[in-house]
Amino acid sequence: MPGMRGPDLALRRREMRPGIRLLLSSGHAGTSEAFRDRGGRAIQLLPKPFTPERLARKVRELLDTE
């Protein structure tokens, strides 16, 4: 994404719609499974590479949270 990183876009989107659930994917080594937005809410991260099953589990987990 030219001009903006994924986490920055996620934080901007969360500000626009506070209840949105976010799942990011990253291929960078050393990234944690979740990070916090400015309000302290978790934004989930799915590290690459991942299997379709792992993606499905992570999406299910995200949808099952409030």
N, C-alpha and C. Protein backbone atom coordinates (compact mmCIF):
# COMPACT_ATOMS: atom_id res chain seq x y z
N MET A 1 0.84 -1.18 0.00
CA MET A 1 0.00 0.00 0.00
C MET A 1 0.89 1.24 0.00
N PRO A 2 0.91 1.94 -1.05
CA PRO A 2 1.72 3.16 -1.10
C PRO A 2 1.23 4.20 -0.09
N GLY A 3 2.16 4.73 0.69
CA GLY A 3 1.83 5.84 1.58
C GLY A 3 1.23 5.48 2.92
N MET A 4 0.90 4.22 3.16
CA MET A 4 0.30 3.85 4.43
C MET A 4 0.59 2.38 4.73
N ARG A 5 0.90 2.11 5.99
CA ARG A 5 1.11 0.73 6.43
C ARG A 5 -0.23 0.12 6.83
N GLY A 6 -0.31 -1.21 6.78
CA GLY A 6 -1.53 -1.91 7.14
C GLY A 6 -2.04 -1.59 8.54
N PRO A 7 -1.17 -1.61 9.56
CA PRO A 7 -1.64 -1.28 10.91
C PRO A 7 -2.21 0.15 11.00
N ASP A 8 -1.61 1.08 10.26
CA ASP A 8 -2.12 2.45 10.27
C ASP A 8 -3.52 2.51 9.65
N LEU A 9 -3.70 1.78 8.56
CA LEU A 9 -5.02 1.71 7.92
C LEU A 9 -6.04 1.08 8.87
N ALA A 10 -5.63 0.02 9.56
CA ALA A 10 -6.54 -0.64 10.51
C ALA A 10 -6.95 0.31 11.62
N LEU A 11 -6.00 1.06 12.15
CA LEU A 11 -6.33 2.02 13.22
C LEU A 11 -7.25 3.12 12.72
N ARG A 12 -7.01 3.59 11.52
CA ARG A 12 -7.88 4.62 10.95
C ARG A 12 -9.30 4.07 10.75
N ARG A 13 -9.39 2.84 10.26
CA ARG A 13 -10.71 2.22 10.05
C ARG A 13 -11.43 2.03 11.38
N ARG A 14 -10.70 1.62 12.41
CA ARG A 14 -11.30 1.42 13.74
C ARG A 14 -11.83 2.74 14.29
N GLU A 15 -11.12 3.84 14.01
CA GLU A 15 -11.60 5.15 14.46
C GLU A 15 -12.91 5.52 13.76
N MET A 16 -13.04 5.13 12.48
CA MET A 16 -14.25 5.42 11.72
C MET A 16 -15.42 4.55 12.15
N ARG A 17 -15.12 3.31 12.54
CA ARG A 17 -16.16 2.35 12.91
C ARG A 17 -15.66 1.56 14.13
N PRO A 18 -15.87 2.08 15.34
CA PRO A 18 -15.28 1.50 16.54
C PRO A 18 -15.57 0.02 16.79
N GLY A 19 -16.68 -0.49 16.36
CA GLY A 19 -17.03 -1.88 16.63
C GLY A 19 -16.48 -2.89 15.64
N ILE A 20 -15.77 -2.42 14.63
CA ILE A 20 -15.30 -3.33 13.58
C ILE A 20 -14.26 -4.31 14.13
N ARG A 21 -14.32 -5.53 13.65
CA ARG A 21 -13.32 -6.54 14.01
C ARG A 21 -12.27 -6.57 12.91
N LEU A 22 -11.02 -6.59 13.31
CA LEU A 22 -9.94 -6.49 12.33
C LEU A 22 -8.99 -7.68 12.45
N LEU A 23 -8.59 -8.18 11.30
CA LEU A 23 -7.60 -9.25 11.22
C LEU A 23 -6.59 -8.84 10.16
N LEU A 24 -5.34 -8.68 10.58
CA LEU A 24 -4.27 -8.33 9.66
C LEU A 24 -3.40 -9.55 9.41
N SER A 25 -2.70 -9.55 8.30
CA SER A 25 -1.76 -10.61 7.98
C SER A 25 -0.41 -9.98 7.68
N SER A 26 0.65 -10.61 8.17
CA SER A 26 1.99 -10.06 7.97
C SER A 26 2.99 -11.16 7.72
N GLY A 27 3.95 -10.86 6.88
CA GLY A 27 5.04 -11.78 6.62
C GLY A 27 6.32 -11.37 7.33
N HIS A 28 6.25 -10.29 8.13
CA HIS A 28 7.43 -9.82 8.85
C HIS A 28 7.72 -10.71 10.05
N ALA A 29 8.95 -11.12 10.19
CA ALA A 29 9.35 -11.93 11.34
C ALA A 29 9.29 -11.08 12.60
N GLY A 30 8.94 -11.73 13.70
CA GLY A 30 8.95 -11.04 14.98
C GLY A 30 7.67 -10.29 15.30
N THR A 31 6.66 -10.40 14.46
CA THR A 31 5.41 -9.72 14.79
C THR A 31 4.61 -10.59 15.74
N SER A 32 3.93 -9.96 16.66
CA SER A 32 3.15 -10.70 17.65
C SER A 32 1.79 -11.07 17.09
N GLU A 33 1.08 -11.93 17.78
CA GLU A 33 -0.23 -12.41 17.32
C GLU A 33 -1.32 -11.35 17.44
N ALA A 34 -1.11 -10.32 18.25
CA ALA A 34 -2.09 -9.24 18.39
C ALA A 34 -1.37 -7.98 18.82
N PHE A 35 -1.93 -6.86 18.45
CA PHE A 35 -1.43 -5.61 18.98
C PHE A 35 -2.63 -4.78 19.37
N ARG A 36 -2.41 -3.69 20.03
CA ARG A 36 -3.50 -2.88 20.57
C ARG A 36 -3.64 -1.58 19.80
N ASP A 37 -4.89 -1.15 19.65
CA ASP A 37 -5.13 0.16 19.06
C ASP A 37 -4.99 1.22 20.14
N ARG A 38 -5.23 2.45 19.81
CA ARG A 38 -5.07 3.54 20.77
C ARG A 38 -6.02 3.43 21.95
N GLY A 39 -7.14 2.75 21.76
CA GLY A 39 -8.11 2.55 22.84
C GLY A 39 -7.84 1.30 23.66
N GLY A 40 -6.77 0.57 23.35
CA GLY A 40 -6.41 -0.63 24.09
C GLY A 40 -7.08 -1.90 23.58
N ARG A 41 -7.88 -1.81 22.51
CA ARG A 41 -8.54 -2.99 21.96
C ARG A 41 -7.59 -3.76 21.06
N ALA A 42 -7.70 -5.07 21.10
CA ALA A 42 -6.80 -5.92 20.32
C ALA A 42 -7.17 -5.91 18.84
N ILE A 43 -6.14 -5.91 18.03
CA ILE A 43 -6.27 -6.14 16.59
C ILE A 43 -5.48 -7.41 16.31
N GLN A 44 -6.15 -8.42 15.83
CA GLN A 44 -5.53 -9.73 15.63
C GLN A 44 -4.63 -9.72 14.41
N LEU A 45 -3.57 -10.50 14.50
CA LEU A 45 -2.61 -10.63 13.41
C LEU A 45 -2.41 -12.10 13.08
N LEU A 46 -2.49 -12.42 11.82
CA LEU A 46 -2.26 -13.79 11.34
C LEU A 46 -0.93 -13.80 10.60
N PRO A 47 0.12 -14.38 11.19
CA PRO A 47 1.43 -14.40 10.53
C PRO A 47 1.43 -15.30 9.29
N LYS A 48 2.16 -14.86 8.27
CA LYS A 48 2.34 -15.66 7.06
C LYS A 48 3.55 -16.57 7.25
N PRO A 49 3.60 -17.69 6.61
CA PRO A 49 2.52 -18.30 5.82
C PRO A 49 1.50 -18.95 6.74
N PHE A 50 0.28 -19.08 6.26
CA PHE A 50 -0.77 -19.75 7.01
C PHE A 50 -1.56 -20.65 6.08
N THR A 51 -2.17 -21.66 6.67
CA THR A 51 -2.98 -22.60 5.91
C THR A 51 -4.41 -22.09 5.83
N PRO A 52 -5.20 -22.58 4.89
CA PRO A 52 -6.61 -22.21 4.85
C PRO A 52 -7.32 -22.56 6.17
N GLU A 53 -6.93 -23.67 6.77
CA GLU A 53 -7.55 -24.07 8.04
C GLU A 53 -7.23 -23.08 9.14
N ARG A 54 -5.98 -22.61 9.19
CA ARG A 54 -5.58 -21.63 10.21
C ARG A 54 -6.32 -20.31 10.00
N LEU A 55 -6.48 -19.90 8.76
CA LEU A 55 -7.24 -18.68 8.45
C LEU A 55 -8.68 -18.84 8.92
N ALA A 56 -9.29 -19.97 8.61
CA ALA A 56 -10.68 -20.21 8.99
C ALA A 56 -10.84 -20.18 10.52
N ARG A 57 -9.89 -20.81 11.24
CA ARG A 57 -9.96 -20.80 12.71
C ARG A 57 -9.82 -19.38 13.26
N LYS A 58 -8.92 -18.60 12.69
CA LYS A 58 -8.70 -17.25 13.16
C LYS A 58 -9.92 -16.37 12.89
N VAL A 59 -10.53 -16.51 11.72
CA VAL A 59 -11.74 -15.76 11.41
C VAL A 59 -12.87 -16.16 12.33
N ARG A 60 -13.03 -17.46 12.57
CA ARG A 60 -14.07 -17.94 13.49
C ARG A 60 -13.86 -17.37 14.89
N GLU A 61 -12.60 -17.40 15.35
CA GLU A 61 -12.26 -16.85 16.66
C GLU A 61 -12.61 -15.36 16.74
N LEU A 62 -12.30 -14.64 15.69
CA LEU A 62 -12.59 -13.22 15.65
C LEU A 62 -14.09 -12.95 15.66
N LEU A 63 -14.85 -13.73 14.90
CA LEU A 63 -16.30 -13.55 14.85
C LEU A 63 -16.97 -13.92 16.17
N ASP A 64 -16.37 -14.84 16.91
CA ASP A 64 -16.97 -15.28 18.17
C ASP A 64 -16.67 -14.34 19.34
N THR A 65 -15.79 -13.36 19.13
CA THR A 65 -15.49 -12.41 20.19
C THR A 65 -16.42 -11.21 20.11
N GLU A 66 -16.55 -10.52 21.20
CA GLU A 66 -17.42 -9.33 21.21
C GLU A 66 -16.66 -8.09 20.92
